[in-house]
């Protein structure tokens, strides 16, 4: 059986599967966070207090989190250890990029809100 040596489970395979599970769950939650913040930003824009590109950037960020989520799910379903490693690394890289993007969007939102409208 995959991930087993001498009747025992390979700890590295178990750890990698745990990482995939964490990427999967956190990415799917972050998609929801992005969509919620997009809704809140649209309310602020509708009220006329600020106009920002943040909602468009968050939509791209939500798609990156979704892609990371789908890749980690695919890695979990993969039967080949090599394929699982490759998919996990790609999902992890996309997840990190999306998190950096979310921090950048938060900075943009803070900047937009802190500057008075003219």
C-alpha atoms as a PDB file:
ATOM      1  CA  UNK A   1       0.000   0.000   0.000  1.00  0.00           C
ATOM      2  CA  UNK A   2       1.197   3.519  -0.801  1.00  0.00           C
ATOM      3  CA  UNK A   3       2.914   5.319   2.063  1.00  0.00           C
ATOM      4  CA  UNK A   4       3.676   2.153   4.026  1.00  0.00           C
ATOM      5  CA  UNK A   5       6.973   0.479   4.853  1.00  0.00           C
ATOM      6  CA  UNK A   6       7.079  -2.885   6.660  1.00  0.00           C
ATOM      7  CA  UNK A   7       3.452  -2.588   7.701  1.00  0.00           C
ATOM      8  CA  UNK A   8       3.986   0.895   9.121  1.00  0.00           C
ATOM      9  CA  UNK A   9       2.846   4.139   7.597  1.00  0.00           C
ATOM     10  CA  UNK A  10       5.544   6.393   6.160  1.00  0.00           C
ATOM     11  CA  UNK A  11       5.584   9.541   8.349  1.00  0.00           C
ATOM     12  CA  UNK A  12       6.653  11.750   5.410  1.00  0.00           C
ATOM     13  CA  UNK A  13       3.663  10.661   3.324  1.00  0.00           C
ATOM     14  CA  UNK A  14       1.351  11.312   6.278  1.00  0.00           C
ATOM     15  CA  UNK A  15       2.867  14.769   6.836  1.00  0.00           C
ATOM     16  CA  UNK A  16       2.475  15.657   3.151  1.00  0.00           C
ATOM     17  CA  UNK A  17      -1.142  14.551   3.195  1.00  0.00           C
ATOM     18  CA  UNK A  18      -1.704  16.724   6.278  1.00  0.00           C
ATOM     19  CA  UNK A  19      -0.237  19.721   4.428  1.00  0.00           C
ATOM     20  CA  UNK A  20      -2.587  19.081   1.494  1.00  0.00           C
ATOM     21  CA  UNK A  21      -5.546  18.895   3.856  1.00  0.00           C
ATOM     22  CA  UNK A  22      -4.558  22.197   5.489  1.00  0.00           C
ATOM     23  CA  UNK A  23      -4.117  23.924   2.120  1.00  0.00           C
ATOM     24  CA  UNK A  24      -7.482  22.551   0.999  1.00  0.00           C
ATOM     25  CA  UNK A  25      -9.417  23.708   4.066  1.00  0.00           C
ATOM     26  CA  UNK A  26      -7.767  27.104   4.446  1.00  0.00           C
ATOM     27  CA  UNK A  27      -7.989  27.886   0.716  1.00  0.00           C
ATOM     28  CA  UNK A  28     -11.682  27.128   0.608  1.00  0.00           C
ATOM     29  CA  UNK A  29     -12.245  29.327   3.682  1.00  0.00           C
ATOM     30  CA  UNK A  30     -10.225  32.139   2.105  1.00  0.00           C
ATOM     31  CA  UNK A  31     -12.429  32.052  -1.007  1.00  0.00           C
ATOM     32  CA  UNK A  32     -15.360  32.825   1.304  1.00  0.00           C
ATOM     33  CA  UNK A  33     -13.412  35.585   3.045  1.00  0.00           C
ATOM     34  CA  UNK A  34     -12.536  37.204  -0.296  1.00  0.00           C
ATOM     35  CA  UNK A  35     -16.148  37.089  -1.469  1.00  0.00           C
ATOM     36  CA  UNK A  36     -17.371  38.567   1.824  1.00  0.00           C
ATOM     37  CA  UNK A  37     -14.884  41.433   1.654  1.00  0.00           C
ATOM     38  CA  UNK A  38     -15.834  42.075  -1.984  1.00  0.00           C
ATOM     39  CA  UNK A  39     -19.443  42.470  -0.830  1.00  0.00           C
ATOM     40  CA  UNK A  40     -18.420  44.845   1.949  1.00  0.00           C
ATOM     41  CA  UNK A  41     -16.312  46.939  -0.411  1.00  0.00           C
ATOM     42  CA  UNK A  42     -19.206  47.170  -2.865  1.00  0.00           C
ATOM     43  CA  UNK A  43     -21.402  48.490  -0.022  1.00  0.00           C
ATOM     44  CA  UNK A  44     -18.783  51.144   0.805  1.00  0.00           C
ATOM     45  CA  UNK A  45     -18.482  52.133  -2.862  1.00  0.00           C
ATOM     46  CA  UNK A  46     -22.268  52.326  -3.200  1.00  0.00           C
ATOM     47  CA  UNK A  47     -22.448  54.624  -0.190  1.00  0.00           C
ATOM     48  CA  UNK A  48     -19.954  56.848  -1.978  1.00  0.00           C
ATOM     49  CA  UNK A  49     -17.263  57.005   0.700  1.00  0.00           C
ATOM     50  CA  UNK A  50     -14.451  55.515  -1.350  1.00  0.00           C
ATOM     51  CA  UNK A  51     -13.702  54.020  -4.717  1.00  0.00           C
ATOM     52  CA  UNK A  52     -11.005  51.397  -5.012  1.00  0.00           C
ATOM     53  CA  UNK A  53      -9.637  48.620  -7.179  1.00  0.00           C
ATOM     54  CA  UNK A  54      -9.596  46.323  -4.147  1.00  0.00           C
ATOM     55  CA  UNK A  55     -12.760  44.416  -5.096  1.00  0.00           C
ATOM     56  CA  UNK A  56     -11.322  43.516  -8.514  1.00  0.00           C
ATOM     57  CA  UNK A  57      -8.041  42.408  -6.956  1.00  0.00           C
ATOM     58  CA  UNK A  58      -9.906  40.362  -4.349  1.00  0.00           C
ATOM     59  CA  UNK A  59     -11.845  38.614  -7.117  1.00  0.00           C
ATOM     60  CA  UNK A  60      -8.534  37.547  -8.673  1.00  0.00           C
ATOM     61  CA  UNK A  61      -7.322  36.528  -5.216  1.00  0.00           C
ATOM     62  CA  UNK A  62     -10.451  34.422  -4.682  1.00  0.00           C
ATOM     63  CA  UNK A  63      -9.757  32.639  -7.969  1.00  0.00           C
ATOM     64  CA  UNK A  64      -6.174  31.932  -6.860  1.00  0.00           C
ATOM     65  CA  UNK A  65      -7.424  30.488  -3.567  1.00  0.00           C
ATOM     66  CA  UNK A  66      -9.954  28.397  -5.478  1.00  0.00           C
ATOM     67  CA  UNK A  67      -7.222  27.097  -7.784  1.00  0.00           C
ATOM     68  CA  UNK A  68      -5.052  26.241  -4.772  1.00  0.00           C
ATOM     69  CA  UNK A  69      -8.006  24.468  -3.165  1.00  0.00           C
ATOM     70  CA  UNK A  70      -8.726  22.431  -6.286  1.00  0.00           C
ATOM     71  CA  UNK A  71      -5.068  21.475  -6.767  1.00  0.00           C
ATOM     72  CA  UNK A  72      -4.717  20.340  -3.160  1.00  0.00           C
ATOM     73  CA  UNK A  73      -7.906  18.298  -3.515  1.00  0.00           C
ATOM     74  CA  UNK A  74      -6.499  16.746  -6.684  1.00  0.00           C
ATOM     75  CA  UNK A  75      -3.272  15.955  -4.799  1.00  0.00           C
ATOM     76  CA  UNK A  76      -5.262  14.249  -2.055  1.00  0.00           C
ATOM     77  CA  UNK A  77      -7.096  12.148  -4.641  1.00  0.00           C
ATOM     78  CA  UNK A  78      -3.922  11.338  -6.573  1.00  0.00           C
ATOM     79  CA  UNK A  79      -2.671   7.775  -6.385  1.00  0.00           C
ATOM     80  CA  UNK A  80       0.899   8.491  -7.462  1.00  0.00           C
ATOM     81  CA  UNK A  81       3.286   9.868  -4.851  1.00  0.00           C
ATOM     82  CA  UNK A  82       5.253  11.851  -7.460  1.00  0.00           C
ATOM     83  CA  UNK A  83       2.092  13.482  -8.816  1.00  0.00           C
ATOM     84  CA  UNK A  84       0.907  14.243  -5.294  1.00  0.00           C
ATOM     85  CA  UNK A  85       4.219  16.003  -4.518  1.00  0.00           C
ATOM     86  CA  UNK A  86       4.064  18.060  -7.700  1.00  0.00           C
ATOM     87  CA  UNK A  87       0.433  19.099  -7.190  1.00  0.00           C
ATOM     88  CA  UNK A  88       1.066  19.898  -3.540  1.00  0.00           C
ATOM     89  CA  UNK A  89       4.016  22.161  -4.405  1.00  0.00           C
ATOM     90  CA  UNK A  90       1.988  24.005  -7.038  1.00  0.00           C
ATOM     91  CA  UNK A  91      -0.984  24.392  -4.667  1.00  0.00           C
ATOM     92  CA  UNK A  92       1.335  25.622  -1.931  1.00  0.00           C
ATOM     93  CA  UNK A  93       2.997  28.200  -4.208  1.00  0.00           C
ATOM     94  CA  UNK A  94      -0.359  29.510  -5.449  1.00  0.00           C
ATOM     95  CA  UNK A  95      -1.631  29.662  -1.870  1.00  0.00           C
ATOM     96  CA  UNK A  96       1.386  31.755  -0.783  1.00  0.00           C
ATOM     97  CA  UNK A  97       0.952  34.096  -3.780  1.00  0.00           C
ATOM     98  CA  UNK A  98      -2.746  34.511  -2.932  1.00  0.00           C
ATOM     99  CA  UNK A  99      -1.925  35.266   0.717  1.00  0.00           C
ATOM    100  CA  UNK A 100       0.613  37.913  -0.341  1.00  0.00           C
ATOM    101  CA  UNK A 101      -2.034  39.334  -2.671  1.00  0.00           C
ATOM    102  CA  UNK A 102      -4.519  39.493   0.185  1.00  0.00           C
ATOM    103  CA  UNK A 103      -2.047  41.427   2.350  1.00  0.00           C
ATOM    104  CA  UNK A 104      -1.461  43.840  -0.543  1.00  0.00           C
ATOM    105  CA  UNK A 105      -5.211  44.333  -0.957  1.00  0.00           C
ATOM    106  CA  UNK A 106      -5.577  44.969   2.783  1.00  0.00           C
ATOM    107  CA  UNK A 107      -2.890  47.639   2.514  1.00  0.00           C
ATOM    108  CA  UNK A 108      -4.718  49.152  -0.465  1.00  0.00           C
ATOM    109  CA  UNK A 109      -8.025  49.186   1.430  1.00  0.00           C
ATOM    110  CA  UNK A 110      -6.371  50.796   4.452  1.00  0.00           C
ATOM    111  CA  UNK A 111      -4.719  53.416   2.237  1.00  0.00           C
ATOM    112  CA  UNK A 112      -7.987  54.150   0.401  1.00  0.00           C
ATOM    113  CA  UNK A 113      -9.991  54.508   3.611  1.00  0.00           C
ATOM    114  CA  UNK A 114      -7.376  56.635   5.404  1.00  0.00           C
ATOM    115  CA  UNK A 115      -7.094  59.258   2.641  1.00  0.00           C
ATOM    116  CA  UNK A 116     -10.005  61.690   2.675  1.00  0.00           C
ATOM    117  CA  UNK A 117     -12.171  61.810  -0.473  1.00  0.00           C
ATOM    118  CA  UNK A 118     -11.759  64.930  -2.591  1.00  0.00           C
END
